[in-house]
Amino acid sequence: MTARIHHVDHAAADLGDENWNRPWSGPNGASCVEAKKLPGGRIALRQSTDPHGPALVCTTEEMRVFIQWTKDGGADFLIS
């Protein structure tokens, strides 16, 4: 299977300014990840402190696999 995850250089210009959501915000203030559902079921992620910067774009299935992988402990090495 070929990876379809890619990035855009200018999230606001390329994907629009509206409908970005902050599903979670940590104790670090306003610095968090924003997510946006795109046409065709793709998902975009960007840094809230840099809305005009890059965004990572993936399919719904790729996001589902990533979330399951983290639930299964795949990212535990990042916090241990």
PDB file of N, CA and C in Angstrom:
ATOM      1  N   MET A   1       0.845  -1.183   0.000  1.00  0.00           N
ATOM      2  CA  MET A   1       0.000   0.000   0.000  1.00  0.00           C
ATOM      3  C   MET A   1       0.888   1.244   0.000  1.00  0.00           C
ATOM      4  N   THR A   2       0.636   2.164  -0.886  1.00  0.00           N
ATOM      5  CA  THR A   2       1.400   3.399  -0.982  1.00  0.00           C
ATOM      6  C   THR A   2       0.867   4.409   0.019  1.00  0.00           C
ATOM      7  N   ALA A   3       1.778   5.045   0.739  1.00  0.00           N
ATOM      8  CA  ALA A   3       1.379   6.051   1.719  1.00  0.00           C
ATOM      9  C   ALA A   3       0.754   7.248   1.019  1.00  0.00           C
ATOM     10  N   ARG A   4      -0.309   7.751   1.593  1.00  0.00           N
ATOM     11  CA  ARG A   4      -0.973   8.918   1.032  1.00  0.00           C
ATOM     12  C   ARG A   4      -0.815  10.129   1.934  1.00  0.00           C
ATOM     13  N   ILE A   5      -0.111   9.957   3.038  1.00  0.00           N
ATOM     14  CA  ILE A   5       0.105  11.091   3.928  1.00  0.00           C
ATOM     15  C   ILE A   5       1.020  12.076   3.215  1.00  0.00           C
ATOM     16  N   HIS A   6       0.644  13.329   3.240  1.00  0.00           N
ATOM     17  CA  HIS A   6       1.469  14.368   2.636  1.00  0.00           C
ATOM     18  C   HIS A   6       1.287  15.662   3.418  1.00  0.00           C
ATOM     19  N   HIS A   7       1.979  16.694   3.016  1.00  0.00           N
ATOM     20  CA  HIS A   7       1.822  17.971   3.704  1.00  0.00           C
ATOM     21  C   HIS A   7       1.556  19.079   2.695  1.00  0.00           C
ATOM     22  N   VAL A   8       0.977  20.145   3.197  1.00  0.00           N
ATOM     23  CA  VAL A   8       0.828  21.381   2.440  1.00  0.00           C
ATOM     24  C   VAL A   8       1.647  22.430   3.169  1.00  0.00           C
ATOM     25  N   ASP A   9       2.220  23.357   2.433  1.00  0.00           N
ATOM     26  CA  ASP A   9       3.110  24.349   3.044  1.00  0.00           C
ATOM     27  C   ASP A   9       2.375  25.466   3.768  1.00  0.00           C
ATOM     28  N   HIS A  10       1.204  25.836   3.291  1.00  0.00           N
ATOM     29  CA  HIS A  10       0.479  26.980   3.849  1.00  0.00           C
ATOM     30  C   HIS A  10      -0.961  26.564   4.150  1.00  0.00           C
ATOM     31  N   ALA A  11      -1.181  26.064   5.356  1.00  0.00           N
ATOM     32  CA  ALA A  11      -2.475  25.473   5.722  1.00  0.00           C
ATOM     33  C   ALA A  11      -3.647  26.415   5.479  1.00  0.00           C
ATOM     34  N   ALA A  12      -3.550  27.647   5.954  1.00  0.00           N
ATOM     35  CA  ALA A  12      -4.683  28.565   5.822  1.00  0.00           C
ATOM     36  C   ALA A  12      -4.980  28.876   4.360  1.00  0.00           C
ATOM     37  N   ALA A  13      -3.941  29.128   3.578  1.00  0.00           N
ATOM     38  CA  ALA A  13      -4.139  29.468   2.166  1.00  0.00           C
ATOM     39  C   ALA A  13      -4.593  28.254   1.360  1.00  0.00           C
ATOM     40  N   ASP A  14      -4.007  27.097   1.626  1.00  0.00           N
ATOM     41  CA  ASP A  14      -4.300  25.900   0.839  1.00  0.00           C
ATOM     42  C   ASP A  14      -5.577  25.183   1.271  1.00  0.00           C
ATOM     43  N   LEU A  15      -5.920  25.268   2.572  1.00  0.00           N
ATOM     44  CA  LEU A  15      -7.043  24.486   3.098  1.00  0.00           C
ATOM     45  C   LEU A  15      -8.159  25.341   3.690  1.00  0.00           C
ATOM     46  N   GLY A  16      -7.955  26.641   3.771  1.00  0.00           N
ATOM     47  CA  GLY A  16      -8.958  27.546   4.320  1.00  0.00           C
ATOM     48  C   GLY A  16      -8.748  27.824   5.793  1.00  0.00           C
ATOM     49  N   ASP A  17      -9.270  28.952   6.242  1.00  0.00           N
ATOM     50  CA  ASP A  17      -9.139  29.382   7.640  1.00  0.00           C
ATOM     51  C   ASP A  17     -10.227  28.825   8.548  1.00  0.00           C
ATOM     52  N   GLU A  18     -11.338  28.389   7.984  1.00  0.00           N
ATOM     53  CA  GLU A  18     -12.494  28.008   8.798  1.00  0.00           C
ATOM     54  C   GLU A  18     -12.546  26.512   9.089  1.00  0.00           C
ATOM     55  N   ASN A  19     -13.285  26.188  10.152  1.00  0.00           N
ATOM     56  CA  ASN A  19     -13.608  24.806  10.543  1.00  0.00           C
ATOM     57  C   ASN A  19     -12.426  24.002  11.068  1.00  0.00           C
ATOM     58  N   TRP A  20     -11.400  24.671  11.579  1.00  0.00           N
ATOM     59  CA  TRP A  20     -10.327  23.976  12.285  1.00  0.00           C
ATOM     60  C   TRP A  20     -10.792  23.776  13.722  1.00  0.00           C
ATOM     61  N   ASN A  21     -10.586  22.599  14.272  1.00  0.00           N
ATOM     62  CA  ASN A  21     -11.021  22.270  15.634  1.00  0.00           C
ATOM     63  C   ASN A  21      -9.823  21.934  16.499  1.00  0.00           C
ATOM     64  N   ARG A  22      -9.957  22.236  17.773  1.00  0.00           N
ATOM     65  CA  ARG A  22      -8.945  21.860  18.761  1.00  0.00           C
ATOM     66  C   ARG A  22      -9.548  20.773  19.639  1.00  0.00           C
ATOM     67  N   PRO A  23      -9.367  19.512  19.243  1.00  0.00           N
ATOM     68  CA  PRO A  23      -9.991  18.430  20.005  1.00  0.00           C
ATOM     69  C   PRO A  23      -9.422  18.273  21.406  1.00  0.00           C
ATOM     70  N   TRP A  24      -8.245  18.809  21.621  1.00  0.00           N
ATOM     71  CA  TRP A  24      -7.615  18.700  22.928  1.00  0.00           C
ATOM     72  C   TRP A  24      -6.598  19.818  23.058  1.00  0.00           C
ATOM     73  N   SER A  25      -6.504  20.406  24.229  1.00  0.00           N
ATOM     74  CA  SER A  25      -5.495  21.424  24.505  1.00  0.00           C
ATOM     75  C   SER A  25      -4.869  21.102  25.841  1.00  0.00           C
ATOM     76  N   GLY A  26      -3.572  21.012  25.853  1.00  0.00           N
ATOM     77  CA  GLY A  26      -2.848  20.667  27.065  1.00  0.00           C
ATOM     78  C   GLY A  26      -2.601  21.866  27.953  1.00  0.00           C
ATOM     79  N   PRO A  27      -1.817  21.670  28.996  1.00  0.00           N
ATOM     80  CA  PRO A  27      -1.538  22.722  29.957  1.00  0.00           C
ATOM     81  C   PRO A  27      -0.550  23.770  29.448  1.00  0.00           C
ATOM     82  N   ASN A  28      -0.135  23.683  28.195  1.00  0.00           N
ATOM     83  CA  ASN A  28       0.872  24.594  27.664  1.00  0.00           C
ATOM     84  C   ASN A  28       0.272  25.874  27.090  1.00  0.00           C
ATOM     85  N   GLY A  29      -0.938  26.208  27.434  1.00  0.00           N
ATOM     86  CA  GLY A  29      -1.566  27.422  26.924  1.00  0.00           C
ATOM     87  C   GLY A  29      -2.291  27.168  25.624  1.00  0.00           C
ATOM     88  N   ALA A  30      -2.117  28.057  24.687  1.00  0.00           N
ATOM     89  CA  ALA A  30      -2.848  27.979  23.419  1.00  0.00           C
ATOM     90  C   ALA A  30      -2.138  27.141  22.367  1.00  0.00           C
ATOM     91  N   SER A  31      -1.019  26.561  22.702  1.00  0.00           N
ATOM     92  CA  SER A  31      -0.254  25.774  21.736  1.00  0.00           C
ATOM     93  C   SER A  31      -0.794  24.355  21.682  1.00  0.00           C
ATOM     94  N   CYS A  32      -1.478  24.022  20.588  1.00  0.00           N
ATOM     95  CA  CYS A  32      -2.042  22.682  20.470  1.00  0.00           C
ATOM     96  C   CYS A  32      -2.196  22.316  18.997  1.00  0.00           C
ATOM     97  N   VAL A  33      -2.609  21.102  18.754  1.00  0.00           N
ATOM     98  CA  VAL A  33      -2.847  20.627  17.397  1.00  0.00           C
ATOM     99  C   VAL A  33      -4.293  20.939  17.024  1.00  0.00           C
ATOM    100  N   GLU A  34      -4.485  21.433  15.811  1.00  0.00           N
ATOM    101  CA  GLU A  34      -5.826  21.659  15.284  1.00  0.00           C
ATOM    102  C   GLU A  34      -6.089  20.643  14.175  1.00  0.00           C
ATOM    103  N   ALA A  35      -7.324  20.199  14.077  1.00  0.00           N
ATOM    104  CA  ALA A  35      -7.710  19.213  13.068  1.00  0.00           C
ATOM    105  C   ALA A  35      -8.857  19.760  12.229  1.00  0.00           C
ATOM    106  N   LYS A  36      -8.874  19.349  10.966  1.00  0.00           N
ATOM    107  CA  LYS A  36      -9.936  19.775  10.057  1.00  0.00           C
ATOM    108  C   LYS A  36     -10.309  18.617   9.147  1.00  0.00           C
ATOM    109  N   LYS A  37     -11.600  18.348   9.049  1.00  0.00           N
ATOM    110  CA  LYS A  37     -12.105  17.338   8.112  1.00  0.00           C
ATOM    111  C   LYS A  37     -12.197  17.994   6.736  1.00  0.00           C
ATOM    112  N   LEU A  38     -11.552  17.386   5.757  1.00  0.00           N
ATOM    113  CA  LEU A  38     -11.509  17.932   4.402  1.00  0.00           C
ATOM    114  C   LEU A  38     -12.482  17.196   3.492  1.00  0.00           C
ATOM    115  N   PRO A  39     -12.820  17.782   2.351  1.00  0.00           N
ATOM    116  CA  PRO A  39     -13.676  17.087   1.386  1.00  0.00           C
ATOM    117  C   PRO A  39     -13.064  15.741   0.996  1.00  0.00           C
ATOM    118  N   GLY A  40     -13.901  14.770   0.783  1.00  0.00           N
ATOM    119  CA  GLY A  40     -13.421  13.453   0.391  1.00  0.00           C
ATOM    120  C   GLY A  40     -12.949  12.608   1.554  1.00  0.00           C
ATOM    121  N   GLY A  41     -13.147  13.098   2.790  1.00  0.00           N
ATOM    122  CA  GLY A  41     -12.799  12.310   3.959  1.00  0.00           C
ATOM    123  C   GLY A  41     -11.378  12.448   4.457  1.00  0.00           C
ATOM    124  N   ARG A  42     -10.571  13.276   3.817  1.00  0.00           N
ATOM    125  CA  ARG A  42      -9.211  13.465   4.320  1.00  0.00           C
ATOM    126  C   ARG A  42      -9.241  14.292   5.598  1.00  0.00           C
ATOM    127  N   ILE A  43      -8.142  14.246   6.354  1.00  0.00           N
ATOM    128  CA  ILE A  43      -8.008  14.966   7.616  1.00  0.00           C
ATOM    129  C   ILE A  43      -6.719  15.761   7.571  1.00  0.00           C
ATOM    130  N   ALA A  44      -6.776  17.015   8.022  1.00  0.00           N
ATOM    131  CA  ALA A  44      -5.584  17.858   8.087  1.00  0.00           C
ATOM    132  C   ALA A  44      -5.283  18.182   9.543  1.00  0.00           C
ATOM    133  N   LEU A  45      -4.006  18.242   9.882  1.00  0.00           N
ATOM    134  CA  LEU A  45      -3.539  18.605  11.221  1.00  0.00           C
ATOM    135  C   LEU A  45      -2.539  19.739  11.088  1.00  0.00           C
ATOM    136  N   ARG A  46      -2.655  20.744  11.958  1.00  0.00           N
ATOM    137  CA  ARG A  46      -1.703  21.855  11.945  1.00  0.00           C
ATOM    138  C   ARG A  46      -1.436  22.323  13.368  1.00  0.00           C
ATOM    139  N   GLN A  47      -0.387  23.092  13.538  1.00  0.00           N
ATOM    140  CA  GLN A  47      -0.030  23.673  14.829  1.00  0.00           C
ATOM    141  C   GLN A  47      -0.840  24.952  15.022  1.00  0.00           C
ATOM    142  N   SER A  48      -1.532  25.071  16.141  1.00  0.00           N
ATOM    143  CA  SER A  48      -2.407  26.225  16.365  1.00  0.00           C
ATOM    144  C   SER A  48      -1.647  27.543  16.421  1.00  0.00           C
ATOM    145  N   THR A  49      -0.400  27.518  16.848  1.00  0.00           N
ATOM    146  CA  THR A  49       0.374  28.753  16.940  1.00  0.00           C
ATOM    147  C   THR A  49       0.925  29.200  15.595  1.00  0.00           C
ATOM    148  N   ASP A  50       0.760  28.380  14.557  1.00  0.00           N
ATOM    149  CA  ASP A  50       1.249  28.713  13.219  1.00  0.00           C
ATOM    150  C   ASP A  50       0.189  28.343  12.178  1.00  0.00           C
ATOM    151  N   PRO A  51      -0.986  28.994  12.216  1.00  0.00           N
ATOM    152  CA  PRO A  51      -2.074  28.600  11.326  1.00  0.00           C
ATOM    153  C   PRO A  51      -1.771  28.798   9.843  1.00  0.00           C
ATOM    154  N   HIS A  52      -0.801  29.633   9.527  1.00  0.00           N
ATOM    155  CA  HIS A  52      -0.440  29.857   8.124  1.00  0.00           C
ATOM    156  C   HIS A  52       0.730  28.983   7.698  1.00  0.00           C
ATOM    157  N   GLY A  53       1.228  28.166   8.616  1.00  0.00           N
ATOM    158  CA  GLY A  53       2.337  27.263   8.330  1.00  0.00           C
ATOM    159  C   GLY A  53       1.860  25.958   7.723  1.00  0.00           C
ATOM    160  N   PRO A  54       2.686  24.928   7.803  1.00  0.00           N
ATOM    161  CA  PRO A  54       2.365  23.652   7.161  1.00  0.00           C
ATOM    162  C   PRO A  54       1.279  22.863   7.895  1.00  0.00           C
ATOM    163  N   ALA A  55       0.690  21.934   7.166  1.00  0.00           N
ATOM    164  CA  ALA A  55      -0.292  21.001   7.730  1.00  0.00           C
ATOM    165  C   ALA A  55      -0.002  19.616   7.181  1.00  0.00           C
ATOM    166  N   LEU A  56      -0.245  18.623   7.996  1.00  0.00           N
ATOM    167  CA  LEU A  56      -0.131  17.228   7.591  1.00  0.00           C
ATOM    168  C   LEU A  56      -1.520  16.765   7.161  1.00  0.00           C
ATOM    169  N   VAL A  57      -1.607  16.105   6.009  1.00  0.00           N
ATOM    170  CA  VAL A  57      -2.891  15.653   5.474  1.00  0.00           C
ATOM    171  C   VAL A  57      -2.849  14.136   5.313  1.00  0.00           C
ATOM    172  N   CYS A  58      -3.883  13.463   5.811  1.00  0.00           N
ATOM    173  CA  CYS A  58      -3.945  12.005   5.700  1.00  0.00           C
ATOM    174  C   CYS A  58      -5.384  11.574   5.435  1.00  0.00           C
ATOM    175  N   THR A  59      -5.544  10.300   5.126  1.00  0.00           N
ATOM    176  CA  THR A  59      -6.887   9.762   4.917  1.00  0.00           C
ATOM    177  C   THR A  59      -7.507   9.396   6.266  1.00  0.00           C
ATOM    178  N   THR A  60      -8.808   9.203   6.267  1.00  0.00           N
ATOM    179  CA  THR A  60      -9.500   8.771   7.481  1.00  0.00           C
ATOM    180  C   THR A  60      -8.954   7.428   7.958  1.00  0.00           C
ATOM    181  N   GLU A  61      -8.686   6.519   7.042  1.00  0.00           N
ATOM    182  CA  GLU A  61      -8.152   5.207   7.410  1.00  0.00           C
ATOM    183  C   GLU A  61      -6.762   5.334   8.027  1.00  0.00           C
ATOM    184  N   GLU A  62      -5.921   6.182   7.477  1.00  0.00           N
ATOM    185  CA  GLU A  62      -4.588   6.376   8.055  1.00  0.00           C
ATOM    186  C   GLU A  62      -4.686   6.941   9.465  1.00  0.00           C
ATOM    187  N   MET A  63      -5.619   7.856   9.694  1.00  0.00           N
ATOM    188  CA  MET A  63      -5.812   8.410  11.032  1.00  0.00           C
ATOM    189  C   MET A  63      -6.331   7.335  11.973  1.00  0.00           C
ATOM    190  N   ARG A  64      -7.258   6.512  11.512  1.00  0.00           N
ATOM    191  CA  ARG A  64      -7.792   5.431  12.346  1.00  0.00           C
ATOM    192  C   ARG A  64      -6.680   4.481  12.761  1.00  0.00           C
ATOM    193  N   VAL A  65      -5.817   4.105  11.828  1.00  0.00           N
ATOM    194  CA  VAL A  65      -4.698   3.206  12.123  1.00  0.00           C
ATOM    195  C   VAL A  65      -3.741   3.860  13.118  1.00  0.00           C
ATOM    196  N   PHE A  66      -3.439   5.143  12.928  1.00  0.00           N
ATOM    197  CA  PHE A  66      -2.542   5.852  13.845  1.00  0.00           C
ATOM    198  C   PHE A  66      -3.127   5.900  15.258  1.00  0.00           C
ATOM    199  N   ILE A  67      -4.402   6.229  15.371  1.00  0.00           N
ATOM    200  CA  ILE A  67      -5.038   6.290  16.691  1.00  0.00           C
ATOM    201  C   ILE A  67      -5.026   4.923  17.360  1.00  0.00           C
ATOM    202  N   GLN A  68      -5.339   3.875  16.618  1.00  0.00           N
ATOM    203  CA  GLN A  68      -5.310   2.526  17.195  1.00  0.00           C
ATOM    204  C   GLN A  68      -3.895   2.152  17.623  1.00  0.00           C
ATOM    205  N   TRP A  69      -2.907   2.490  16.807  1.00  0.00           N
ATOM    206  CA  TRP A  69      -1.503   2.212  17.127  1.00  0.00           C
ATOM    207  C   TRP A  69      -1.107   2.887  18.438  1.00  0.00           C
ATOM    208  N   THR A  70      -1.533   4.153  18.629  1.00  0.00           N
ATOM    209  CA  THR A  70      -1.194   4.830  19.879  1.00  0.00           C
ATOM    210  C   THR A  70      -1.938   4.208  21.060  1.00  0.00           C
ATOM    211  N   LYS A  71      -3.195   3.820  20.863  1.00  0.00           N
ATOM    212  CA  LYS A  71      -3.946   3.154  21.934  1.00  0.00           C
ATOM    213  C   LYS A  71      -3.303   1.828  22.320  1.00  0.00           C
ATOM    214  N   ASP A  72      -2.701   1.164  21.351  1.00  0.00           N
ATOM    215  CA  ASP A  72      -2.043  -0.122  21.599  1.00  0.00           C
ATOM    216  C   ASP A  72      -0.636   0.039  22.167  1.00  0.00           C
ATOM    217  N   GLY A  73      -0.217   1.280  22.427  1.00  0.00           N
ATOM    218  CA  GLY A  73       1.087   1.512  23.043  1.00  0.00           C
ATOM    219  C   GLY A  73       2.213   1.822  22.078  1.00  0.00           C
ATOM    220  N   GLY A  74       1.916   1.970  20.803  1.00  0.00           N
ATOM    221  CA  GLY A  74       2.954   2.206  19.808  1.00  0.00           C
ATOM    222  C   GLY A  74       3.763   3.469  20.020  1.00  0.00           C
ATOM    223  N   ALA A  75       3.182   4.467  20.669  1.00  0.00           N
ATOM    224  CA  ALA A  75       3.891   5.726  20.892  1.00  0.00           C
ATOM    225  C   ALA A  75       4.375   5.885  22.328  1.00  0.00           C
ATOM    226  N   ASP A  76       4.270   4.837  23.126  1.00  0.00           N
ATOM    227  CA  ASP A  76       4.674   4.935  24.532  1.00  0.00           C
ATOM    228  C   ASP A  76       6.130   5.347  24.703  1.00  0.00           C
ATOM    229  N   PHE A  77       6.979   5.015  23.733  1.00  0.00           N
ATOM    230  CA  PHE A  77       8.392   5.376  23.835  1.00  0.00           C
ATOM    231  C   PHE A  77       8.581   6.895  23.882  1.00  0.00           C
ATOM    232  N   LEU A  78       7.612   7.652  23.415  1.00  0.00           N
ATOM    233  CA  LEU A  78       7.722   9.110  23.419  1.00  0.00           C
ATOM    234  C   LEU A  78       7.541   9.707  24.808  1.00  0.00           C
ATOM    235  N   ILE A  79       6.903   8.980  25.701  1.00  0.00           N
ATOM    236  CA  ILE A  79       6.617   9.523  27.031  1.00  0.00           C
ATOM    237  C   ILE A  79       7.268   8.729  28.153  1.00  0.00           C
ATOM    238  N   SER A  80       8.124   7.779  27.811  1.00  0.00           N
ATOM    239  CA  SER A  80       8.764   6.994  28.878  1.00  0.00           C
ATOM    240  C   SER A  80      10.205   7.410  29.067  1.00  0.00           C
TER     241      SER A  80
END
